[in-house]
Amino acid sequence: MSNNKRGPPKSILELQKLIDTKVRVKCVGGRELSGVLKGYDELVNLVIDESLEFLRDPDDMERVTDQYRKLGLVVVRGTQVSLVSPEEGTEEIANPFVQQVED
């Protein structure tokens, strides 16, 4: 038996620096939220205030539109979170692996 005592694994996410800043959260299943990160736990359950859910295009469910609905204060379960990023300083770029369709 070893005397090496290891605590719980350290999280690779650095969410503490995003507290009280505007974040964008992408969820499993495609939902996207934006709002102010107010708290989180070791399971990546998130508390987001002033949250907006971005709506999908009814003709193309893969595409997120600029339309949104206000949700207010929400808790997002960690099992549903796939990405958390600061909203400031990020922009969406074209996917180079998808052929662009010209109209």
C-alpha atoms as a PDB file:
ATOM      1  CA  MET A   1       0.000   0.000   0.000  1.00  0.00           C
ATOM      2  CA  SER A   2       1.334   3.362  -0.936  1.00  0.00           C
ATOM      3  CA  ASN A   3       1.348   6.469   1.233  1.00  0.00           C
ATOM      4  CA  ASN A   4       0.827   8.730  -1.791  1.00  0.00           C
ATOM      5  CA  LYS A   5      -2.331  10.626  -0.985  1.00  0.00           C
ATOM      6  CA  ARG A   6      -3.839  12.268  -3.993  1.00  0.00           C
ATOM      7  CA  GLY A   7      -6.722  14.626  -3.782  1.00  0.00           C
ATOM      8  CA  PRO A   8      -9.404  15.016  -6.374  1.00  0.00           C
ATOM      9  CA  PRO A   9      -8.095  15.670  -9.889  1.00  0.00           C
ATOM     10  CA  LYS A  10      -7.442  19.305 -10.670  1.00  0.00           C
ATOM     11  CA  SER A  11      -9.808  20.765 -13.250  1.00  0.00           C
ATOM     12  CA  ILE A  12      -8.255  21.753 -16.560  1.00  0.00           C
ATOM     13  CA  LEU A  13     -10.823  24.524 -16.918  1.00  0.00           C
ATOM     14  CA  GLU A  14      -9.913  27.956 -15.628  1.00  0.00           C
ATOM     15  CA  LEU A  15     -13.399  29.305 -15.116  1.00  0.00           C
ATOM     16  CA  GLN A  16     -12.484  31.436 -12.100  1.00  0.00           C
ATOM     17  CA  LYS A  17     -11.004  34.113 -14.361  1.00  0.00           C
ATOM     18  CA  LEU A  18     -14.332  34.306 -16.257  1.00  0.00           C
ATOM     19  CA  ILE A  19     -16.482  35.027 -13.177  1.00  0.00           C
ATOM     20  CA  ASP A  20     -18.581  38.191 -13.675  1.00  0.00           C
ATOM     21  CA  THR A  21     -17.681  38.391 -17.360  1.00  0.00           C
ATOM     22  CA  LYS A  22     -19.829  37.708 -20.402  1.00  0.00           C
ATOM     23  CA  VAL A  23     -19.384  34.167 -21.734  1.00  0.00           C
ATOM     24  CA  ARG A  24     -20.697  32.052 -24.589  1.00  0.00           C
ATOM     25  CA  VAL A  25     -21.692  28.475 -23.718  1.00  0.00           C
ATOM     26  CA  LYS A  26     -22.234  25.749 -26.301  1.00  0.00           C
ATOM     27  CA  CYS A  27     -24.170  22.732 -25.096  1.00  0.00           C
ATOM     28  CA  VAL A  28     -24.436  19.128 -26.166  1.00  0.00           C
ATOM     29  CA  GLY A  29     -27.279  18.962 -28.663  1.00  0.00           C
ATOM     30  CA  GLY A  30     -26.488  22.344 -30.188  1.00  0.00           C
ATOM     31  CA  ARG A  31     -27.963  24.938 -27.834  1.00  0.00           C
ATOM     32  CA  GLU A  32     -25.969  28.138 -27.450  1.00  0.00           C
ATOM     33  CA  LEU A  33     -26.248  30.562 -24.552  1.00  0.00           C
ATOM     34  CA  SER A  34     -24.685  33.881 -23.723  1.00  0.00           C
ATOM     35  CA  GLY A  35     -24.636  35.656 -20.379  1.00  0.00           C
ATOM     36  CA  VAL A  36     -22.658  36.655 -17.303  1.00  0.00           C
ATOM     37  CA  LEU A  37     -20.972  33.745 -15.524  1.00  0.00           C
ATOM     38  CA  LYS A  38     -21.840  34.020 -11.827  1.00  0.00           C
ATOM     39  CA  GLY A  39     -20.608  30.678 -10.539  1.00  0.00           C
ATOM     40  CA  TYR A  40     -19.600  27.094 -11.247  1.00  0.00           C
ATOM     41  CA  ASP A  41     -18.605  23.918  -9.440  1.00  0.00           C
ATOM     42  CA  GLU A  42     -16.226  20.991  -9.967  1.00  0.00           C
ATOM     43  CA  LEU A  43     -18.805  19.247 -12.175  1.00  0.00           C
ATOM     44  CA  VAL A  44     -18.900  22.337 -14.461  1.00  0.00           C
ATOM     45  CA  ASN A  45     -22.474  23.156 -13.498  1.00  0.00           C
ATOM     46  CA  LEU A  46     -22.719  26.829 -14.467  1.00  0.00           C
ATOM     47  CA  VAL A  47     -24.794  29.687 -13.073  1.00  0.00           C
ATOM     48  CA  ILE A  48     -25.380  32.269 -15.793  1.00  0.00           C
ATOM     49  CA  ASP A  49     -27.222  35.560 -15.289  1.00  0.00           C
ATOM     50  CA  GLU A  50     -28.794  37.780 -17.959  1.00  0.00           C
ATOM     51  CA  SER A  51     -28.706  34.765 -20.259  1.00  0.00           C
ATOM     52  CA  LEU A  52     -29.848  34.649 -23.851  1.00  0.00           C
ATOM     53  CA  GLU A  53     -30.500  31.484 -25.852  1.00  0.00           C
ATOM     54  CA  PHE A  54     -29.699  31.832 -29.529  1.00  0.00           C
ATOM     55  CA  LEU A  55     -32.346  30.300 -31.775  1.00  0.00           C
ATOM     56  CA  ARG A  56     -31.703  27.959 -34.676  1.00  0.00           C
ATOM     57  CA  ASP A  57     -32.760  28.470 -38.266  1.00  0.00           C
ATOM     58  CA  PRO A  58     -35.963  26.412 -38.773  1.00  0.00           C
ATOM     59  CA  ASP A  59     -34.840  25.522 -42.313  1.00  0.00           C
ATOM     60  CA  ASP A  60     -31.303  24.516 -41.268  1.00  0.00           C
ATOM     61  CA  MET A  61     -31.070  23.269 -37.683  1.00  0.00           C
ATOM     62  CA  GLU A  62     -27.258  23.277 -37.892  1.00  0.00           C
ATOM     63  CA  ARG A  63     -27.248  27.085 -38.243  1.00  0.00           C
ATOM     64  CA  VAL A  64     -27.589  29.418 -35.257  1.00  0.00           C
ATOM     65  CA  THR A  65     -29.305  32.720 -36.039  1.00  0.00           C
ATOM     66  CA  ASP A  66     -28.920  36.158 -34.470  1.00  0.00           C
ATOM     67  CA  GLN A  67     -32.411  35.796 -32.995  1.00  0.00           C
ATOM     68  CA  TYR A  68     -32.555  34.992 -29.308  1.00  0.00           C
ATOM     69  CA  ARG A  69     -34.863  34.619 -26.349  1.00  0.00           C
ATOM     70  CA  LYS A  70     -34.177  35.996 -22.888  1.00  0.00           C
ATOM     71  CA  LEU A  71     -33.886  33.388 -20.154  1.00  0.00           C
ATOM     72  CA  GLY A  72     -32.561  35.436 -17.227  1.00  0.00           C
ATOM     73  CA  LEU A  73     -30.810  33.502 -14.440  1.00  0.00           C
ATOM     74  CA  VAL A  74     -30.168  29.863 -15.406  1.00  0.00           C
ATOM     75  CA  VAL A  75     -28.224  26.840 -14.194  1.00  0.00           C
ATOM     76  CA  VAL A  76     -26.636  24.763 -16.949  1.00  0.00           C
ATOM     77  CA  ARG A  77     -25.820  21.203 -15.931  1.00  0.00           C
ATOM     78  CA  GLY A  78     -22.198  20.287 -16.423  1.00  0.00           C
ATOM     79  CA  THR A  79     -23.108  17.159 -18.397  1.00  0.00           C
ATOM     80  CA  GLN A  80     -24.593  19.434 -21.084  1.00  0.00           C
ATOM     81  CA  VAL A  81     -21.655  21.853 -21.389  1.00  0.00           C
ATOM     82  CA  SER A  82     -19.316  21.280 -24.329  1.00  0.00           C
ATOM     83  CA  LEU A  83     -17.641  24.721 -24.554  1.00  0.00           C
ATOM     84  CA  VAL A  84     -17.278  27.828 -22.403  1.00  0.00           C
ATOM     85  CA  SER A  85     -15.535  30.848 -23.915  1.00  0.00           C
ATOM     86  CA  PRO A  86     -15.319  34.552 -23.162  1.00  0.00           C
ATOM     87  CA  GLU A  87     -17.595  36.530 -25.443  1.00  0.00           C
ATOM     88  CA  GLU A  88     -15.180  39.460 -25.629  1.00  0.00           C
ATOM     89  CA  GLY A  89     -12.396  38.977 -28.139  1.00  0.00           C
ATOM     90  CA  THR A  90     -13.784  35.940 -29.946  1.00  0.00           C
ATOM     91  CA  GLU A  91     -15.258  35.679 -33.402  1.00  0.00           C
ATOM     92  CA  GLU A  92     -16.663  32.872 -35.482  1.00  0.00           C
ATOM     93  CA  ILE A  93     -14.611  31.786 -38.472  1.00  0.00           C
ATOM     94  CA  ALA A  94     -15.608  29.743 -41.509  1.00  0.00           C
ATOM     95  CA  ASN A  95     -15.048  26.000 -41.282  1.00  0.00           C
ATOM     96  CA  PRO A  96     -12.351  25.163 -43.857  1.00  0.00           C
ATOM     97  CA  PHE A  97     -13.508  21.549 -44.036  1.00  0.00           C
ATOM     98  CA  VAL A  98     -17.043  22.361 -45.190  1.00  0.00           C
ATOM     99  CA  GLN A  99     -17.629  23.303 -48.791  1.00  0.00           C
ATOM    100  CA  GLN A 100     -19.281  26.685 -49.029  1.00  0.00           C
ATOM    101  CA  VAL A 101     -22.520  26.698 -51.030  1.00  0.00           C
ATOM    102  CA  GLU A 102     -22.892  29.659 -53.347  1.00  0.00           C
ATOM    103  CA  ASP A 103     -26.369  31.080 -53.917  1.00  0.00           C
END
